[in-house]
Amino acid sequence: MEYRIIAEGIVTFGILTPWSDVRSVVLAREPGVTVGGLTVAESYLQIIVELMNGDFLEIPEGSPSWDSVVDHPPIHRPLRVPDLPALLATDGVEDAVLWRA
């Protein structure tokens, strides 16, 4: 799915989800999957946008929207992490709340 962060909210396929409909934005690490000693899925990061209605928008690392979201996080409120690019550059990034309504 394609997402774009703009001042008014998050745009998905041309439909605006205003910031007032967003409960939180979380950076989460999905664990890798190993079966019988073989890695079948690598660990990866994703940004999870929790909406007030209980739905989620999931933006996985490496997706076309990843750079857009990382480069333009919600700016109407300060992030709870001082430097998102620095956090992403560290090894072993764990779950972090980036923003909460």
C-alpha atoms as a PDB file:
ATOM      1  CA  MET A   1       0.000   0.000   0.000  1.00  0.00           C
ATOM      2  CA  GLU A   2       1.185   3.531  -0.684  1.00  0.00           C
ATOM      3  CA  TYR A   3       1.162   6.080   2.129  1.00  0.00           C
ATOM      4  CA  ARG A   4       2.093   9.756   2.116  1.00  0.00           C
ATOM      5  CA  ILE A   5       2.530  11.954   5.168  1.00  0.00           C
ATOM      6  CA  ILE A   6       1.223  15.495   4.749  1.00  0.00           C
ATOM      7  CA  ALA A   7       0.497  18.281   7.240  1.00  0.00           C
ATOM      8  CA  GLU A   8      -3.180  17.291   7.442  1.00  0.00           C
ATOM      9  CA  GLY A   9      -2.604  13.542   7.998  1.00  0.00           C
ATOM     10  CA  ILE A  10      -1.824  10.344   6.104  1.00  0.00           C
ATOM     11  CA  VAL A  11      -2.961   9.841   2.508  1.00  0.00           C
ATOM     12  CA  THR A  12      -3.712   6.275   1.396  1.00  0.00           C
ATOM     13  CA  PHE A  13      -4.743   5.794  -2.240  1.00  0.00           C
ATOM     14  CA  GLY A  14      -5.846   9.428  -2.365  1.00  0.00           C
ATOM     15  CA  ILE A  15      -7.956   9.227   0.804  1.00  0.00           C
ATOM     16  CA  LEU A  16      -6.941  11.446   3.729  1.00  0.00           C
ATOM     17  CA  THR A  17      -6.871  10.095   7.265  1.00  0.00           C
ATOM     18  CA  PRO A  18      -6.616  13.251   9.401  1.00  0.00           C
ATOM     19  CA  TRP A  19      -4.297  13.319  12.418  1.00  0.00           C
ATOM     20  CA  SER A  20      -7.369  13.587  14.630  1.00  0.00           C
ATOM     21  CA  ASP A  21      -8.191   9.987  13.586  1.00  0.00           C
ATOM     22  CA  VAL A  22      -4.733   8.692  14.584  1.00  0.00           C
ATOM     23  CA  ARG A  23      -4.177   7.307  18.102  1.00  0.00           C
ATOM     24  CA  SER A  24      -0.474   6.447  17.875  1.00  0.00           C
ATOM     25  CA  VAL A  25       2.513   5.874  15.616  1.00  0.00           C
ATOM     26  CA  VAL A  26       4.858   3.074  16.710  1.00  0.00           C
ATOM     27  CA  LEU A  27       8.130   1.746  15.337  1.00  0.00           C
ATOM     28  CA  ALA A  28       8.092  -2.034  15.825  1.00  0.00           C
ATOM     29  CA  ARG A  29      10.532  -4.820  15.043  1.00  0.00           C
ATOM     30  CA  GLU A  30       8.942  -7.947  13.633  1.00  0.00           C
ATOM     31  CA  PRO A  31      11.022 -10.963  14.647  1.00  0.00           C
ATOM     32  CA  GLY A  32      12.611 -13.277  12.131  1.00  0.00           C
ATOM     33  CA  VAL A  33      11.241 -16.792  11.704  1.00  0.00           C
ATOM     34  CA  THR A  34      13.494 -19.832  11.902  1.00  0.00           C
ATOM     35  CA  VAL A  35      12.269 -23.362  11.162  1.00  0.00           C
ATOM     36  CA  GLY A  36      14.559 -26.324  11.706  1.00  0.00           C
ATOM     37  CA  GLY A  37      17.605 -24.074  11.881  1.00  0.00           C
ATOM     38  CA  LEU A  38      16.768 -22.337   8.587  1.00  0.00           C
ATOM     39  CA  THR A  39      15.731 -18.699   8.481  1.00  0.00           C
ATOM     40  CA  VAL A  40      12.520 -18.485   6.478  1.00  0.00           C
ATOM     41  CA  ALA A  41      11.819 -14.806   7.208  1.00  0.00           C
ATOM     42  CA  GLU A  42      14.258 -12.085   8.227  1.00  0.00           C
ATOM     43  CA  SER A  43      13.522  -9.657  11.040  1.00  0.00           C
ATOM     44  CA  TYR A  44      12.334  -6.249   9.814  1.00  0.00           C
ATOM     45  CA  LEU A  45      11.085  -2.915  11.108  1.00  0.00           C
ATOM     46  CA  GLN A  46       7.679  -1.461  10.430  1.00  0.00           C
ATOM     47  CA  ILE A  47       5.824   1.672  11.364  1.00  0.00           C
ATOM     48  CA  ILE A  48       2.366   0.949  12.722  1.00  0.00           C
ATOM     49  CA  VAL A  49      -0.222   3.727  12.674  1.00  0.00           C
ATOM     50  CA  GLU A  50      -3.064   2.935  15.070  1.00  0.00           C
ATOM     51  CA  LEU A  51      -6.339   4.639  14.189  1.00  0.00           C
ATOM     52  CA  MET A  52      -9.017   5.721  16.675  1.00  0.00           C
ATOM     53  CA  ASN A  53     -11.450   3.189  15.154  1.00  0.00           C
ATOM     54  CA  GLY A  54      -9.110   0.271  15.985  1.00  0.00           C
ATOM     55  CA  ASP A  55      -7.729  -0.218  12.476  1.00  0.00           C
ATOM     56  CA  PHE A  56      -4.003  -0.157  11.736  1.00  0.00           C
ATOM     57  CA  LEU A  57      -1.868   1.026   8.857  1.00  0.00           C
ATOM     58  CA  GLU A  58       1.343  -1.015   8.595  1.00  0.00           C
ATOM     59  CA  ILE A  59       4.312   0.403   6.705  1.00  0.00           C
ATOM     60  CA  PRO A  60       7.098  -2.205   6.460  1.00  0.00           C
ATOM     61  CA  GLU A  61      10.769  -1.341   6.088  1.00  0.00           C
ATOM     62  CA  GLY A  62      11.756  -1.452   2.427  1.00  0.00           C
ATOM     63  CA  SER A  63       8.243  -0.677   1.159  1.00  0.00           C
ATOM     64  CA  PRO A  64       7.804   2.191  -1.317  1.00  0.00           C
ATOM     65  CA  SER A  65       6.294   4.348   1.467  1.00  0.00           C
ATOM     66  CA  TRP A  66       8.980   3.701   4.106  1.00  0.00           C
ATOM     67  CA  ASP A  67      11.308   6.588   3.190  1.00  0.00           C
ATOM     68  CA  SER A  68       8.416   9.014   2.811  1.00  0.00           C
ATOM     69  CA  VAL A  69       7.086   8.205   6.272  1.00  0.00           C
ATOM     70  CA  VAL A  70      10.520   8.199   7.937  1.00  0.00           C
ATOM     71  CA  ASP A  71      11.544  11.453   6.249  1.00  0.00           C
ATOM     72  CA  HIS A  72       8.222  13.200   7.015  1.00  0.00           C
ATOM     73  CA  PRO A  73       6.909  11.988  10.386  1.00  0.00           C
ATOM     74  CA  PRO A  74       3.931  13.721  12.028  1.00  0.00           C
ATOM     75  CA  ILE A  75       5.016  17.328  12.503  1.00  0.00           C
ATOM     76  CA  HIS A  76       1.969  18.773  14.196  1.00  0.00           C
ATOM     77  CA  ARG A  77       3.251  17.280  17.484  1.00  0.00           C
ATOM     78  CA  PRO A  78       6.824  16.514  18.489  1.00  0.00           C
ATOM     79  CA  LEU A  79       8.014  12.925  18.211  1.00  0.00           C
ATOM     80  CA  ARG A  80       8.772  11.073  21.435  1.00  0.00           C
ATOM     81  CA  VAL A  81      12.205  10.166  20.053  1.00  0.00           C
ATOM     82  CA  PRO A  82      14.617  13.051  19.525  1.00  0.00           C
ATOM     83  CA  ASP A  83      16.247  11.743  16.325  1.00  0.00           C
ATOM     84  CA  LEU A  84      14.361   9.141  14.280  1.00  0.00           C
ATOM     85  CA  PRO A  85      17.095   8.643  11.627  1.00  0.00           C
ATOM     86  CA  ALA A  86      19.669   8.062  14.399  1.00  0.00           C
ATOM     87  CA  LEU A  87      17.355   5.548  16.085  1.00  0.00           C
ATOM     88  CA  LEU A  88      16.886   3.668  12.810  1.00  0.00           C
ATOM     89  CA  ALA A  89      20.660   3.612  12.226  1.00  0.00           C
ATOM     90  CA  THR A  90      21.352   1.761  15.483  1.00  0.00           C
ATOM     91  CA  ASP A  91      21.654  -2.003  15.582  1.00  0.00           C
ATOM     92  CA  GLY A  92      18.925  -3.848  17.391  1.00  0.00           C
ATOM     93  CA  VAL A  93      16.208  -1.195  17.282  1.00  0.00           C
ATOM     94  CA  GLU A  94      13.319  -2.338  19.444  1.00  0.00           C
ATOM     95  CA  ASP A  95       9.723  -1.145  19.652  1.00  0.00           C
ATOM     96  CA  ALA A  96       9.381   2.604  20.245  1.00  0.00           C
ATOM     97  CA  VAL A  97       6.331   4.859  20.458  1.00  0.00           C
ATOM     98  CA  LEU A  98       7.058   7.719  18.071  1.00  0.00           C
ATOM     99  CA  TRP A  99       3.892   9.711  18.692  1.00  0.00           C
ATOM    100  CA  ARG A 100       0.670   9.317  20.691  1.00  0.00           C
ATOM    101  CA  ALA A 101      -2.476  11.425  20.647  1.00  0.00           C
END
